Amino acid sequence: LVWVEMRGKATLKRITRVAGRRAAEFDLGAAGEGEYAGTLLRMSLQSRYWVDLATGFVLESRTTAPGHFTPAGETIHLELKEERTLTRPESAGF
């Protein structure tokens, strides 16, 4: 189990279009510390995401979260990456 408490800031970058829909583009940056495998884990997070102005649904997001922890005195670096896209034709009620 991984636990990280982060603090950060989301910034509205612009109003644009994604897949023909008006959307707000945001940048999100955060950093924090937590615990993994009984040792201190430090992570940061960078994300860009687009929110549909009519529905509030996230249409697309791209996130990276690099970090490191030090079990038994050896530093281990890690990076999580995630990309999501809402597939409108397959989404009921959209």
PDB file of N, CA and C in Angstrom:
ATOM      1  N   LEU A   1       0.838  -1.181   0.000  1.00  0.00           N
ATOM      2  CA  LEU A   1       0.000   0.000   0.000  1.00  0.00           C
ATOM      3  C   LEU A   1       0.885   1.247   0.000  1.00  0.00           C
ATOM      4  N   VAL A   2       0.553   2.196  -0.853  1.00  0.00           N
ATOM      5  CA  VAL A   2       1.286   3.457  -0.953  1.00  0.00           C
ATOM      6  C   VAL A   2       0.411   4.570  -0.405  1.00  0.00           C
ATOM      7  N   TRP A   3       1.020   5.430   0.377  1.00  0.00           N
ATOM      8  CA  TRP A   3       0.311   6.580   0.936  1.00  0.00           C
ATOM      9  C   TRP A   3       1.213   7.802   0.761  1.00  0.00           C
ATOM     10  N   VAL A   4       0.704   8.853   0.109  1.00  0.00           N
ATOM     11  CA  VAL A   4       1.462  10.087  -0.096  1.00  0.00           C
ATOM     12  C   VAL A   4       0.517  11.262   0.117  1.00  0.00           C
ATOM     13  N   GLU A   5       0.899  12.180   0.987  1.00  0.00           N
ATOM     14  CA  GLU A   5       0.136  13.411   1.189  1.00  0.00           C
ATOM     15  C   GLU A   5       0.803  14.502   0.357  1.00  0.00           C
ATOM     16  N   MET A   6       0.037  15.079  -0.574  1.00  0.00           N
ATOM     17  CA  MET A   6       0.598  16.072  -1.491  1.00  0.00           C
ATOM     18  C   MET A   6      -0.101  17.411  -1.351  1.00  0.00           C
ATOM     19  N   ARG A   7       0.641  18.441  -1.664  1.00  0.00           N
ATOM     20  CA  ARG A   7       0.094  19.791  -1.762  1.00  0.00           C
ATOM     21  C   ARG A   7       0.514  20.339  -3.116  1.00  0.00           C
ATOM     22  N   GLY A   8      -0.409  21.061  -3.744  1.00  0.00           N
ATOM     23  CA  GLY A   8      -0.083  21.567  -5.059  1.00  0.00           C
ATOM     24  C   GLY A   8      -1.027  22.657  -5.512  1.00  0.00           C
ATOM     25  N   LYS A   9      -0.962  22.926  -6.808  1.00  0.00           N
ATOM     26  CA  LYS A   9      -1.740  24.018  -7.367  1.00  0.00           C
ATOM     27  C   LYS A   9      -2.223  23.626  -8.760  1.00  0.00           C
ATOM     28  N   ALA A  10      -3.509  23.900  -9.038  1.00  0.00           N
ATOM     29  CA  ALA A  10      -4.076  23.732 -10.371  1.00  0.00           C
ATOM     30  C   ALA A  10      -4.253  25.119 -10.981  1.00  0.00           C
ATOM     31  N   THR A  11      -3.878  25.255 -12.249  1.00  0.00           N
ATOM     32  CA  THR A  11      -3.948  26.540 -12.938  1.00  0.00           C
ATOM     33  C   THR A  11      -4.741  26.385 -14.234  1.00  0.00           C
ATOM     34  N   LEU A  12      -5.743  27.232 -14.414  1.00  0.00           N
ATOM     35  CA  LEU A  12      -6.471  27.275 -15.672  1.00  0.00           C
ATOM     36  C   LEU A  12      -5.564  27.925 -16.709  1.00  0.00           C
ATOM     37  N   LYS A  13      -5.252  27.181 -17.785  1.00  0.00           N
ATOM     38  CA  LYS A  13      -4.356  27.694 -18.813  1.00  0.00           C
ATOM     39  C   LYS A  13      -5.110  28.419 -19.922  1.00  0.00           C
ATOM     40  N   ARG A  14      -6.230  27.814 -20.381  1.00  0.00           N
ATOM     41  CA  ARG A  14      -6.982  28.430 -21.465  1.00  0.00           C
ATOM     42  C   ARG A  14      -8.286  27.659 -21.693  1.00  0.00           C
ATOM     43  N   ILE A  15      -9.152  28.268 -22.491  1.00  0.00           N
ATOM     44  CA  ILE A  15     -10.345  27.603 -22.974  1.00  0.00           C
ATOM     45  C   ILE A  15     -10.053  27.196 -24.419  1.00  0.00           C
ATOM     46  N   THR A  16     -10.327  25.929 -24.745  1.00  0.00           N
ATOM     47  CA  THR A  16      -9.970  25.382 -26.040  1.00  0.00           C
ATOM     48  C   THR A  16     -11.043  24.396 -26.496  1.00  0.00           C
ATOM     49  N   ARG A  17     -10.730  23.567 -27.460  1.00  0.00           N
ATOM     50  CA  ARG A  17     -11.643  22.518 -27.911  1.00  0.00           C
ATOM     51  C   ARG A  17     -10.909  21.174 -27.886  1.00  0.00           C
ATOM     52  N   VAL A  18     -11.623  20.149 -27.428  1.00  0.00           N
ATOM     53  CA  VAL A  18     -11.122  18.778 -27.443  1.00  0.00           C
ATOM     54  C   VAL A  18     -12.228  17.913 -28.027  1.00  0.00           C
ATOM     55  N   ALA A  19     -11.918  17.202 -29.087  1.00  0.00           N
ATOM     56  CA  ALA A  19     -12.903  16.345 -29.763  1.00  0.00           C
ATOM     57  C   ALA A  19     -14.179  17.116 -30.094  1.00  0.00           C
ATOM     58  N   GLY A  20     -14.017  18.372 -30.515  1.00  0.00           N
ATOM     59  CA  GLY A  20     -15.152  19.190 -30.903  1.00  0.00           C
ATOM     60  C   GLY A  20     -15.938  19.810 -29.760  1.00  0.00           C
ATOM     61  N   ARG A  21     -15.512  19.603 -28.510  1.00  0.00           N
ATOM     62  CA  ARG A  21     -16.219  20.130 -27.341  1.00  0.00           C
ATOM     63  C   ARG A  21     -15.399  21.262 -26.719  1.00  0.00           C
ATOM     64  N   ARG A  22     -16.105  22.301 -26.247  1.00  0.00           N
ATOM     65  CA  ARG A  22     -15.403  23.374 -25.531  1.00  0.00           C
ATOM     66  C   ARG A  22     -14.898  22.826 -24.198  1.00  0.00           C
ATOM     67  N   ALA A  23     -13.630  23.102 -23.911  1.00  0.00           N
ATOM     68  CA  ALA A  23     -13.013  22.524 -22.721  1.00  0.00           C
ATOM     69  C   ALA A  23     -12.059  23.516 -22.063  1.00  0.00           C
ATOM     70  N   ALA A  24     -11.947  23.398 -20.745  1.00  0.00           N
ATOM     71  CA  ALA A  24     -10.972  24.167 -19.977  1.00  0.00           C
ATOM     72  C   ALA A  24      -9.713  23.307 -19.832  1.00  0.00           C
ATOM     73  N   GLU A  25      -8.560  23.887 -20.144  1.00  0.00           N
ATOM     74  CA  GLU A  25      -7.275  23.187 -20.022  1.00  0.00           C
ATOM     75  C   GLU A  25      -6.608  23.625 -18.725  1.00  0.00           C
ATOM     76  N   PHE A  26      -6.209  22.643 -17.912  1.00  0.00           N
ATOM     77  CA  PHE A  26      -5.583  22.915 -16.623  1.00  0.00           C
ATOM     78  C   PHE A  26      -4.204  22.278 -16.550  1.00  0.00           C
ATOM     79  N   ASP A  27      -3.305  22.917 -15.807  1.00  0.00           N
ATOM     80  CA  ASP A  27      -2.043  22.313 -15.379  1.00  0.00           C
ATOM     81  C   ASP A  27      -2.145  22.090 -13.885  1.00  0.00           C
ATOM     82  N   LEU A  28      -1.644  20.950 -13.420  1.00  0.00           N
ATOM     83  CA  LEU A  28      -1.634  20.627 -11.999  1.00  0.00           C
ATOM     84  C   LEU A  28      -0.229  20.213 -11.620  1.00  0.00           C
ATOM     85  N   GLY A  29       0.301  20.800 -10.566  1.00  0.00           N
ATOM     86  CA  GLY A  29       1.605  20.418 -10.031  1.00  0.00           C
ATOM     87  C   GLY A  29       1.480  20.224  -8.536  1.00  0.00           C
ATOM     88  N   ALA A  30       2.102  19.165  -8.020  1.00  0.00           N
ATOM     89  CA  ALA A  30       2.040  18.885  -6.584  1.00  0.00           C
ATOM     90  C   ALA A  30       3.288  18.115  -6.172  1.00  0.00           C
ATOM     91  N   ALA A  31       3.569  18.134  -4.880  1.00  0.00           N
ATOM     92  CA  ALA A  31       4.690  17.377  -4.327  1.00  0.00           C
ATOM     93  C   ALA A  31       4.357  16.994  -2.896  1.00  0.00           C
ATOM     94  N   GLY A  32       4.971  15.915  -2.446  1.00  0.00           N
ATOM     95  CA  GLY A  32       4.716  15.511  -1.072  1.00  0.00           C
ATOM     96  C   GLY A  32       5.520  14.305  -0.652  1.00  0.00           C
ATOM     97  N   GLU A  33       5.252  13.889   0.582  1.00  0.00           N
ATOM     98  CA  GLU A  33       5.932  12.743   1.168  1.00  0.00           C
ATOM     99  C   GLU A  33       4.901  11.770   1.711  1.00  0.00           C
ATOM    100  N   GLY A  34       5.302  10.534   1.785  1.00  0.00           N
ATOM    101  CA  GLY A  34       4.425   9.511   2.331  1.00  0.00           C
ATOM    102  C   GLY A  34       5.235   8.298   2.736  1.00  0.00           C
ATOM    103  N   GLU A  35       4.600   7.140   2.658  1.00  0.00           N
ATOM    104  CA  GLU A  35       5.249   5.924   3.104  1.00  0.00           C
ATOM    105  C   GLU A  35       5.000   4.789   2.117  1.00  0.00           C
ATOM    106  N   TYR A  36       6.036   4.011   1.870  1.00  0.00           N
ATOM    107  CA  TYR A  36       5.925   2.801   1.076  1.00  0.00           C
ATOM    108  C   TYR A  36       6.908   1.778   1.628  1.00  0.00           C
ATOM    109  N   ALA A  37       6.438   0.575   1.864  1.00  0.00           N
ATOM    110  CA  ALA A  37       7.267  -0.523   2.376  1.00  0.00           C
ATOM    111  C   ALA A  37       8.000  -0.123   3.657  1.00  0.00           C
ATOM    112  N   GLY A  38       7.332   0.674   4.478  1.00  0.00           N
ATOM    113  CA  GLY A  38       7.894   1.068   5.769  1.00  0.00           C
ATOM    114  C   GLY A  38       8.990   2.116   5.696  1.00  0.00           C
ATOM    115  N   THR A  39       9.144   2.775   4.567  1.00  0.00           N
ATOM    116  CA  THR A  39      10.182   3.795   4.417  1.00  0.00           C
ATOM    117  C   THR A  39       9.590   5.067   3.807  1.00  0.00           C
ATOM    118  N   LEU A  40      10.298   6.177   3.941  1.00  0.00           N
ATOM    119  CA  LEU A  40       9.851   7.464   3.419  1.00  0.00           C
ATOM    120  C   LEU A  40       9.824   7.438   1.898  1.00  0.00           C
ATOM    121  N   LEU A  41       8.732   7.929   1.322  1.00  0.00           N
ATOM    122  CA  LEU A  41       8.576   8.029  -0.122  1.00  0.00           C
ATOM    123  C   LEU A  41       8.343   9.492  -0.461  1.00  0.00           C
ATOM    124  N   ARG A  42       9.144  10.034  -1.369  1.00  0.00           N
ATOM    125  CA  ARG A  42       8.968  11.412  -1.848  1.00  0.00           C
ATOM    126  C   ARG A  42       8.529  11.352  -3.300  1.00  0.00           C
ATOM    127  N   MET A  43       7.468  12.112  -3.616  1.00  0.00           N
ATOM    128  CA  MET A  43       6.949  12.117  -4.981  1.00  0.00           C
ATOM    129  C   MET A  43       6.534  13.518  -5.392  1.00  0.00           C
ATOM    130  N   SER A  44       6.542  13.731  -6.706  1.00  0.00           N
ATOM    131  CA  SER A  44       5.960  14.940  -7.278  1.00  0.00           C
ATOM    132  C   SER A  44       4.982  14.489  -8.356  1.00  0.00           C
ATOM    133  N   LEU A  45       4.170  15.406  -8.822  1.00  0.00           N
ATOM    134  CA  LEU A  45       3.149  15.072  -9.809  1.00  0.00           C
ATOM    135  C   LEU A  45       2.975  16.255 -10.736  1.00  0.00           C
ATOM    136  N   GLN A  46       2.940  15.971 -12.023  1.00  0.00           N
ATOM    137  CA  GLN A  46       2.643  16.982 -13.051  1.00  0.00           C
ATOM    138  C   GLN A  46       1.523  16.420 -13.901  1.00  0.00           C
ATOM    139  N   SER A  47       0.494  17.231 -14.123  1.00  0.00           N
ATOM    140  CA  SER A  47      -0.638  16.763 -14.910  1.00  0.00           C
ATOM    141  C   SER A  47      -1.187  17.891 -15.763  1.00  0.00           C
ATOM    142  N   ARG A  48      -1.626  17.537 -16.942  1.00  0.00           N
ATOM    143  CA  ARG A  48      -2.372  18.453 -17.802  1.00  0.00           C
ATOM    144  C   ARG A  48      -3.679  17.740 -18.110  1.00  0.00           C
ATOM    145  N   TYR A  49      -4.798  18.445 -17.943  1.00  0.00           N
ATOM    146  CA  TYR A  49      -6.079  17.814 -18.210  1.00  0.00           C
ATOM    147  C   TYR A  49      -7.071  18.818 -18.768  1.00  0.00           C
ATOM    148  N   TRP A  50      -8.073  18.265 -19.488  1.00  0.00           N
ATOM    149  CA  TRP A  50      -9.071  19.066 -20.188  1.00  0.00           C
ATOM    150  C   TRP A  50     -10.449  18.664 -19.683  1.00  0.00           C
ATOM    151  N   VAL A  51     -11.227  19.655 -19.230  1.00  0.00           N
ATOM    152  CA  VAL A  51     -12.545  19.420 -18.650  1.00  0.00           C
ATOM    153  C   VAL A  51     -13.612  20.016 -19.562  1.00  0.00           C
ATOM    154  N   ASP A  52     -14.615  19.206 -19.902  1.00  0.00           N
ATOM    155  CA  ASP A  52     -15.726  19.637 -20.737  1.00  0.00           C
ATOM    156  C   ASP A  52     -16.498  20.742 -20.013  1.00  0.00           C
ATOM    157  N   LEU A  53     -16.674  21.882 -20.666  1.00  0.00           N
ATOM    158  CA  LEU A  53     -17.352  23.012 -20.025  1.00  0.00           C
ATOM    159  C   LEU A  53     -18.840  22.762 -19.815  1.00  0.00           C
ATOM    160  N   ALA A  54     -19.465  21.950 -20.655  1.00  0.00           N
ATOM    161  CA  ALA A  54     -20.901  21.705 -20.521  1.00  0.00           C
ATOM    162  C   ALA A  54     -21.230  20.667 -19.451  1.00  0.00           C
ATOM    163  N   THR A  55     -20.365  19.656 -19.281  1.00  0.00           N
ATOM    164  CA  THR A  55     -20.694  18.540 -18.384  1.00  0.00           C
ATOM    165  C   THR A  55     -19.816  18.448 -17.142  1.00  0.00           C
ATOM    166  N   GLY A  56     -18.611  19.024 -17.196  1.00  0.00           N
ATOM    167  CA  GLY A  56     -17.659  18.878 -16.093  1.00  0.00           C
ATOM    168  C   GLY A  56     -16.861  17.585 -16.151  1.00  0.00           C
ATOM    169  N   PHE A  57     -17.094  16.760 -17.177  1.00  0.00           N
ATOM    170  CA  PHE A  57     -16.340  15.510 -17.323  1.00  0.00           C
ATOM    171  C   PHE A  57     -14.917  15.809 -17.781  1.00  0.00           C
ATOM    172  N   VAL A  58     -13.962  15.027 -17.282  1.00  0.00           N
ATOM    173  CA  VAL A  58     -12.591  15.117 -17.774  1.00  0.00           C
ATOM    174  C   VAL A  58     -12.546  14.391 -19.120  1.00  0.00           C
ATOM    175  N   LEU A  59     -12.217  15.138 -20.181  1.00  0.00           N
ATOM    176  CA  LEU A  59     -12.162  14.566 -21.521  1.00  0.00           C
ATOM    177  C   LEU A  59     -10.847  13.863 -21.792  1.00  0.00           C
ATOM    178  N   GLU A  60      -9.776  14.409 -21.225  1.00  0.00           N
ATOM    179  CA  GLU A  60      -8.441  13.858 -21.468  1.00  0.00           C
ATOM    180  C   GLU A  60      -7.539  14.289 -20.322  1.00  0.00           C
ATOM    181  N   SER A  61      -6.585  13.427 -19.955  1.00  0.00           N
ATOM    182  CA  SER A  61      -5.597  13.802 -18.942  1.00  0.00           C
ATOM    183  C   SER A  61      -4.289  13.060 -19.199  1.00  0.00           C
ATOM    184  N   ARG A  62      -3.193  13.721 -18.854  1.00  0.00           N
ATOM    185  CA  ARG A  62      -1.844  13.144 -18.958  1.00  0.00           C
ATOM    186  C   ARG A  62      -1.104  13.480 -17.666  1.00  0.00           C
ATOM    187  N   THR A  63      -0.618  12.452 -16.979  1.00  0.00           N
ATOM    188  CA  THR A  63       0.000  12.645 -15.666  1.00  0.00           C
ATOM    189  C   THR A  63       1.302  11.866 -15.566  1.00  0.00           C
ATOM    190  N   THR A  64       2.319  12.493 -14.962  1.00  0.00           N
ATOM    191  CA  THR A  64       3.549  11.796 -14.589  1.00  0.00           C
ATOM    192  C   THR A  64       3.806  12.081 -13.111  1.00  0.00           C
ATOM    193  N   ALA A  65       4.313  11.072 -12.418  1.00  0.00           N
ATOM    194  CA  ALA A  65       4.584  11.210 -10.989  1.00  0.00           C
ATOM    195  C   ALA A  65       5.889  10.499 -10.641  1.00  0.00           C
ATOM    196  N   PRO A  66       7.017  11.220 -10.733  1.00  0.00           N
ATOM    197  CA  PRO A  66       8.292  10.614 -10.342  1.00  0.00           C
ATOM    198  C   PRO A  66       8.468  10.655  -8.813  1.00  0.00           C
ATOM    199  N   GLY A  67       9.246   9.712  -8.311  1.00  0.00           N
ATOM    200  CA  GLY A  67       9.515   9.691  -6.872  1.00  0.00           C
ATOM    201  C   GLY A  67      10.681   8.778  -6.559  1.00  0.00           C
ATOM    202  N   HIS A  68      10.976   8.709  -5.270  1.00  0.00           N
ATOM    203  CA  HIS A  68      12.022   7.800  -4.811  1.00  0.00           C
ATOM    204  C   HIS A  68      11.800   7.429  -3.350  1.00  0.00           C
ATOM    205  N   PHE A  69      12.296   6.240  -2.986  1.00  0.00           N
ATOM    206  CA  PHE A  69      12.297   5.792  -1.597  1.00  0.00           C
ATOM    207  C   PHE A  69      13.575   5.012  -1.357  1.00  0.00           C
ATOM    208  N   THR A  70      13.899   4.765  -0.084  1.00  0.00           N
ATOM    209  CA  THR A  70      15.198   4.192   0.253  1.00  0.00           C
ATOM    210  C   THR A  70      15.045   3.032   1.237  1.00  0.00           C
ATOM    211  N   PRO A  71      14.654   1.866   0.763  1.00  0.00           N
ATOM    212  CA  PRO A  71      14.613   0.709   1.664  1.00  0.00           C
ATOM    213  C   PRO A  71      16.026   0.146   1.843  1.00  0.00           C
ATOM    214  N   ALA A  72      16.377  -0.211   3.030  1.00  0.00           N
ATOM    215  CA  ALA A  72      17.686  -0.823   3.326  1.00  0.00           C
ATOM    216  C   ALA A  72      18.858   0.008   2.824  1.00  0.00           C
ATOM    217  N   GLY A  73      18.723   1.343   2.814  1.00  0.00           N
ATOM    218  CA  GLY A  73      19.825   2.223   2.456  1.00  0.00           C
ATOM    219  C   GLY A  73      20.073   2.413   0.970  1.00  0.00           C
ATOM    220  N   GLU A  74      19.338   1.730   0.104  1.00  0.00           N
ATOM    221  CA  GLU A  74      19.524   1.852  -1.336  1.00  0.00           C
ATOM    222  C   GLU A  74      18.363   2.655  -1.928  1.00  0.00           C
ATOM    223  N   THR A  75      18.678   3.766  -2.617  1.00  0.00           N
ATOM    224  CA  THR A  75      17.643   4.611  -3.201  1.00  0.00           C
ATOM    225  C   THR A  75      17.083   3.959  -4.460  1.00  0.00           C
ATOM    226  N   ILE A  76      15.766   3.881  -4.516  1.00  0.00           N
ATOM    227  CA  ILE A  76      15.069   3.336  -5.678  1.00  0.00           C
ATOM    228  C   ILE A  76      14.218   4.451  -6.269  1.00  0.00           C
ATOM    229  N   HIS A  77      14.421   4.712  -7.558  1.00  0.00           N
ATOM    230  CA  HIS A  77      13.659   5.741  -8.265  1.00  0.00           C
ATOM    231  C   HIS A  77      12.499   5.072  -8.995  1.00  0.00           C
ATOM    232  N   LEU A  78      11.378   5.771  -9.034  1.00  0.00           N
ATOM    233  CA  LEU A  78      10.216   5.249  -9.736  1.00  0.00           C
ATOM    234  C   LEU A  78       9.513   6.391 -10.450  1.00  0.00           C
ATOM    235  N   GLU A  79       8.724   6.044 -11.454  1.00  0.00           N
ATOM    236  CA  GLU A  79       7.918   7.047 -12.138  1.00  0.00           C
ATOM    237  C   GLU A  79       6.632   6.384 -12.618  1.00  0.00           C
ATOM    238  N   LEU A  80       5.514   6.967 -12.232  1.00  0.00           N
ATOM    239  CA  LEU A  80       4.208   6.513 -12.676  1.00  0.00           C
ATOM    240  C   LEU A  80       3.748   7.424 -13.801  1.00  0.00           C
ATOM    241  N   LYS A  81       3.179   6.839 -14.850  1.00  0.00           N
ATOM    242  CA  LYS A  81       2.640   7.623 -15.962  1.00  0.00           C
ATOM    243  C   LYS A  81       1.238   7.121 -16.253  1.00  0.00           C
ATOM    244  N   GLU A  82       0.355   8.077 -16.559  1.00  0.00           N
ATOM    245  CA  GLU A  82      -1.014   7.704 -16.886  1.00  0.00           C
ATOM    246  C   GLU A  82      -1.571   8.667 -17.921  1.00  0.00           C
ATOM    247  N   GLU A  83      -2.242   8.106 -18.916  1.00  0.00           N
ATOM    248  CA  GLU A  83      -2.958   8.902 -19.909  1.00  0.00           C
ATOM    249  C   GLU A  83      -4.369   8.360 -19.991  1.00  0.00           C
ATOM    250  N   ARG A  84      -5.351   9.268 -19.984  1.00  0.00           N
ATOM    251  CA  ARG A  84      -6.747   8.865 -20.074  1.00  0.00           C
ATOM    252  C   ARG A  84      -7.451   9.716 -21.117  1.00  0.00           C
ATOM    253  N   THR A  85      -8.344   9.071 -21.853  1.00  0.00           N
ATOM    254  CA  THR A  85      -9.175   9.772 -22.830  1.00  0.00           C
ATOM    255  C   THR A  85     -10.591   9.229 -22.710  1.00  0.00           C
ATOM    256  N   LEU A  86     -11.549  10.127 -22.579  1.00  0.00           N
ATOM    257  CA  LEU A  86     -12.948   9.734 -22.548  1.00  0.00           C
ATOM    258  C   LEU A  86     -13.381   9.400 -23.969  1.00  0.00           C
ATOM    259  N   THR A  87     -13.861   8.185 -24.190  1.00  0.00           N
ATOM    260  CA  THR A  87     -14.360   7.766 -25.487  1.00  0.00           C
ATOM    261  C   THR A  87     -15.855   8.055 -25.521  1.00  0.00           C
ATOM    262  N   ARG A  88     -16.221   9.186 -26.087  1.00  0.00           N
ATOM    263  CA  ARG A  88     -17.610   9.652 -26.030  1.00  0.00           C
ATOM    264  C   ARG A  88     -18.614   8.671 -26.597  1.00  0.00           C
ATOM    265  N   PRO A  89     -18.408   8.057 -27.764  1.00  0.00           N
ATOM    266  CA  PRO A  89     -19.427   7.135 -28.288  1.00  0.00           C
ATOM    267  C   PRO A  89     -19.690   5.942 -27.368  1.00  0.00           C
ATOM    268  N   GLU A  90     -18.703   5.568 -26.566  1.00  0.00           N
ATOM    269  CA  GLU A  90     -18.856   4.410 -25.672  1.00  0.00           C
ATOM    270  C   GLU A  90     -19.336   4.805 -24.280  1.00  0.00           C
ATOM    271  N   SER A  91     -19.535   6.101 -24.029  1.00  0.00           N
ATOM    272  CA  SER A  91     -19.925   6.587 -22.705  1.00  0.00           C
ATOM    273  C   SER A  91     -21.436   6.821 -22.656  1.00  0.00           C
ATOM    274  N   ALA A  92     -22.123   6.062 -21.866  1.00  0.00           N
ATOM    275  CA  ALA A  92     -23.580   6.175 -21.743  1.00  0.00           C
ATOM    276  C   ALA A  92     -23.957   7.520 -21.128  1.00  0.00           C
ATOM    277  N   GLY A  93     -24.947   8.168 -21.721  1.00  0.00           N
ATOM    278  CA  GLY A  93     -25.473   9.390 -21.138  1.00  0.00           C
ATOM    279  C   GLY A  93     -24.677  10.644 -21.413  1.00  0.00           C
ATOM    280  N   PHE A  94     -23.676  10.569 -22.270  1.00  0.00           N
ATOM    281  CA  PHE A  94     -22.847  11.752 -22.533  1.00  0.00           C
ATOM    282  C   PHE A  94     -23.370  12.498 -23.723  1.00  0.00           C
TER     283      PHE A  94
END
